[in-house]
Amino acid sequence: MGHNPNAKSRVVAMVLAFFFGAAGVNKMYLGFWGWGILRLFLVLFVGLVGMAGTANGSGTGAGFVNFASLGLTAWGLWDFVMLAIRRQKVDRQGIPLR
């Protein structure tokens, strides 16, 4: 079996998942654009809610922001672990990761 030049790197996907997984950058790298964009919008939404609560001085939404941030971070770390233990073996096109 030869090397596929279109194969994505597992190491690159893991680094992206570890540092930018909450924003879905690793998913976009692997071709899962829908999931990646959804997570990016969620991160932006949570950030805007946090800024709005801070700007008006009420602190409203702080619990939501903390909970959502924790959830998004856990989602990114979950992707990292799934890549590390080789549970995710292919990209969106079905090409095995190298």
C-alpha atoms as a PDB file:
ATOM      1  CA  MET A   1       0.000   0.000   0.000  1.00  0.00           C
ATOM      2  CA  GLY A   2       1.535   3.322  -1.083  1.00  0.00           C
ATOM      3  CA  HIS A   3       1.542   6.664   0.647  1.00  0.00           C
ATOM      4  CA  ASN A   4      -1.453   8.849  -0.226  1.00  0.00           C
ATOM      5  CA  PRO A   5      -0.320  12.457  -0.879  1.00  0.00           C
ATOM      6  CA  ASN A   6      -3.767  13.697   0.204  1.00  0.00           C
ATOM      7  CA  ALA A   7      -3.547  12.026   3.624  1.00  0.00           C
ATOM      8  CA  LYS A   8      -3.822  14.375   6.586  1.00  0.00           C
ATOM      9  CA  SER A   9      -1.339  14.202   9.441  1.00  0.00           C
ATOM     10  CA  ARG A  10      -2.572  12.734  12.725  1.00  0.00           C
ATOM     11  CA  VAL A  11       0.070  14.766  14.610  1.00  0.00           C
ATOM     12  CA  VAL A  12      -1.092  18.048  13.064  1.00  0.00           C
ATOM     13  CA  ALA A  13      -4.708  17.153  13.869  1.00  0.00           C
ATOM     14  CA  MET A  14      -3.735  16.368  17.471  1.00  0.00           C
ATOM     15  CA  VAL A  15      -1.864  19.660  17.908  1.00  0.00           C
ATOM     16  CA  LEU A  16      -4.818  21.574  16.461  1.00  0.00           C
ATOM     17  CA  ALA A  17      -7.231  19.673  18.721  1.00  0.00           C
ATOM     18  CA  PHE A  18      -5.151  20.383  21.813  1.00  0.00           C
ATOM     19  CA  PHE A  19      -4.694  24.119  21.225  1.00  0.00           C
ATOM     20  CA  PHE A  20      -7.707  25.066  19.089  1.00  0.00           C
ATOM     21  CA  GLY A  21     -10.100  22.132  19.542  1.00  0.00           C
ATOM     22  CA  ALA A  22     -12.735  24.211  21.329  1.00  0.00           C
ATOM     23  CA  ALA A  23     -13.031  26.351  18.189  1.00  0.00           C
ATOM     24  CA  GLY A  24     -13.193  23.284  15.902  1.00  0.00           C
ATOM     25  CA  VAL A  25     -10.027  24.029  13.934  1.00  0.00           C
ATOM     26  CA  ASN A  26      -9.013  20.361  14.055  1.00  0.00           C
ATOM     27  CA  LYS A  27     -12.380  19.332  12.599  1.00  0.00           C
ATOM     28  CA  MET A  28     -12.016  21.797   9.729  1.00  0.00           C
ATOM     29  CA  TYR A  29      -8.482  20.500   9.057  1.00  0.00           C
ATOM     30  CA  LEU A  30      -9.866  16.969   8.740  1.00  0.00           C
ATOM     31  CA  GLY A  31     -12.636  18.136   6.411  1.00  0.00           C
ATOM     32  CA  PHE A  32     -15.535  18.072   8.878  1.00  0.00           C
ATOM     33  CA  TRP A  33     -16.473  21.668   8.050  1.00  0.00           C
ATOM     34  CA  GLY A  34     -19.979  21.535   9.509  1.00  0.00           C
ATOM     35  CA  TRP A  35     -18.777  20.506  12.968  1.00  0.00           C
ATOM     36  CA  GLY A  36     -15.848  22.903  12.821  1.00  0.00           C
ATOM     37  CA  ILE A  37     -17.945  25.919  11.891  1.00  0.00           C
ATOM     38  CA  LEU A  38     -20.573  25.020  14.487  1.00  0.00           C
ATOM     39  CA  ARG A  39     -17.918  24.967  17.204  1.00  0.00           C
ATOM     40  CA  LEU A  40     -16.361  28.187  15.951  1.00  0.00           C
ATOM     41  CA  PHE A  41     -19.740  29.936  16.139  1.00  0.00           C
ATOM     42  CA  LEU A  42     -20.330  28.522  19.612  1.00  0.00           C
ATOM     43  CA  VAL A  43     -16.986  29.876  20.811  1.00  0.00           C
ATOM     44  CA  LEU A  44     -17.753  33.286  19.304  1.00  0.00           C
ATOM     45  CA  PHE A  45     -21.244  33.293  20.840  1.00  0.00           C
ATOM     46  CA  VAL A  46     -19.931  32.366  24.293  1.00  0.00           C
ATOM     47  CA  GLY A  47     -17.285  35.078  23.994  1.00  0.00           C
ATOM     48  CA  LEU A  48     -19.864  37.686  23.025  1.00  0.00           C
ATOM     49  CA  VAL A  49     -22.133  36.715  25.921  1.00  0.00           C
ATOM     50  CA  GLY A  50     -19.168  37.006  28.264  1.00  0.00           C
ATOM     51  CA  MET A  51     -18.198  40.417  26.910  1.00  0.00           C
ATOM     52  CA  ALA A  52     -21.790  41.678  27.092  1.00  0.00           C
ATOM     53  CA  GLY A  53     -22.092  40.593  30.716  1.00  0.00           C
ATOM     54  CA  THR A  54     -18.786  42.243  31.572  1.00  0.00           C
ATOM     55  CA  ALA A  55     -19.544  45.443  29.657  1.00  0.00           C
ATOM     56  CA  ASN A  56     -22.781  46.185  31.498  1.00  0.00           C
ATOM     57  CA  GLY A  57     -21.197  45.364  34.848  1.00  0.00           C
ATOM     58  CA  SER A  58     -23.959  42.999  35.872  1.00  0.00           C
ATOM     59  CA  GLY A  59     -21.997  39.803  35.440  1.00  0.00           C
ATOM     60  CA  THR A  60     -25.074  38.186  33.939  1.00  0.00           C
ATOM     61  CA  GLY A  61     -24.300  35.114  31.964  1.00  0.00           C
ATOM     62  CA  ALA A  62     -21.094  34.371  33.873  1.00  0.00           C
ATOM     63  CA  GLY A  63     -22.320  30.935  34.897  1.00  0.00           C
ATOM     64  CA  PHE A  64     -23.368  30.169  31.339  1.00  0.00           C
ATOM     65  CA  VAL A  65     -20.038  31.368  29.956  1.00  0.00           C
ATOM     66  CA  ASN A  66     -18.052  29.284  32.440  1.00  0.00           C
ATOM     67  CA  PHE A  67     -20.142  26.170  31.803  1.00  0.00           C
ATOM     68  CA  ALA A  68     -20.088  26.589  28.013  1.00  0.00           C
ATOM     69  CA  SER A  69     -16.345  27.285  27.978  1.00  0.00           C
ATOM     70  CA  LEU A  70     -15.701  24.177  30.020  1.00  0.00           C
ATOM     71  CA  GLY A  71     -17.873  22.112  27.683  1.00  0.00           C
ATOM     72  CA  LEU A  72     -16.187  23.406  24.539  1.00  0.00           C
ATOM     73  CA  THR A  73     -12.744  22.820  26.033  1.00  0.00           C
ATOM     74  CA  ALA A  74     -13.715  19.264  27.002  1.00  0.00           C
ATOM     75  CA  TRP A  75     -14.988  18.694  23.452  1.00  0.00           C
ATOM     76  CA  GLY A  76     -11.601  19.754  22.032  1.00  0.00           C
ATOM     77  CA  LEU A  77      -9.712  17.543  24.490  1.00  0.00           C
ATOM     78  CA  TRP A  78     -12.033  14.647  23.630  1.00  0.00           C
ATOM     79  CA  ASP A  79     -11.025  15.033  19.979  1.00  0.00           C
ATOM     80  CA  PHE A  80      -7.367  15.086  21.029  1.00  0.00           C
ATOM     81  CA  VAL A  81      -7.761  11.835  22.984  1.00  0.00           C
ATOM     82  CA  MET A  82      -9.685  10.144  20.154  1.00  0.00           C
ATOM     83  CA  LEU A  83      -6.866  11.014  17.766  1.00  0.00           C
ATOM     84  CA  ALA A  84      -4.184   9.944  20.257  1.00  0.00           C
ATOM     85  CA  ILE A  85      -5.696   6.502  20.835  1.00  0.00           C
ATOM     86  CA  ARG A  86      -6.338   6.195  17.104  1.00  0.00           C
ATOM     87  CA  ARG A  87     -10.116   6.017  17.442  1.00  0.00           C
ATOM     88  CA  GLN A  88     -10.444   8.540  14.616  1.00  0.00           C
ATOM     89  CA  LYS A  89      -8.672   6.824  11.761  1.00  0.00           C
ATOM     90  CA  VAL A  90      -9.831   8.706   8.646  1.00  0.00           C
ATOM     91  CA  ASP A  91     -10.623  12.199   7.459  1.00  0.00           C
ATOM     92  CA  ARG A  92     -13.965  13.279   5.983  1.00  0.00           C
ATOM     93  CA  GLN A  93     -13.124  11.713   2.616  1.00  0.00           C
ATOM     94  CA  GLY A  94     -12.330   8.376   4.218  1.00  0.00           C
ATOM     95  CA  ILE A  95      -8.587   8.722   3.625  1.00  0.00           C
ATOM     96  CA  PRO A  96      -6.565   7.152   6.469  1.00  0.00           C
ATOM     97  CA  LEU A  97      -4.598   9.578   8.608  1.00  0.00           C
ATOM     98  CA  ARG A  98      -0.829   9.273   8.427  1.00  0.00           C
END
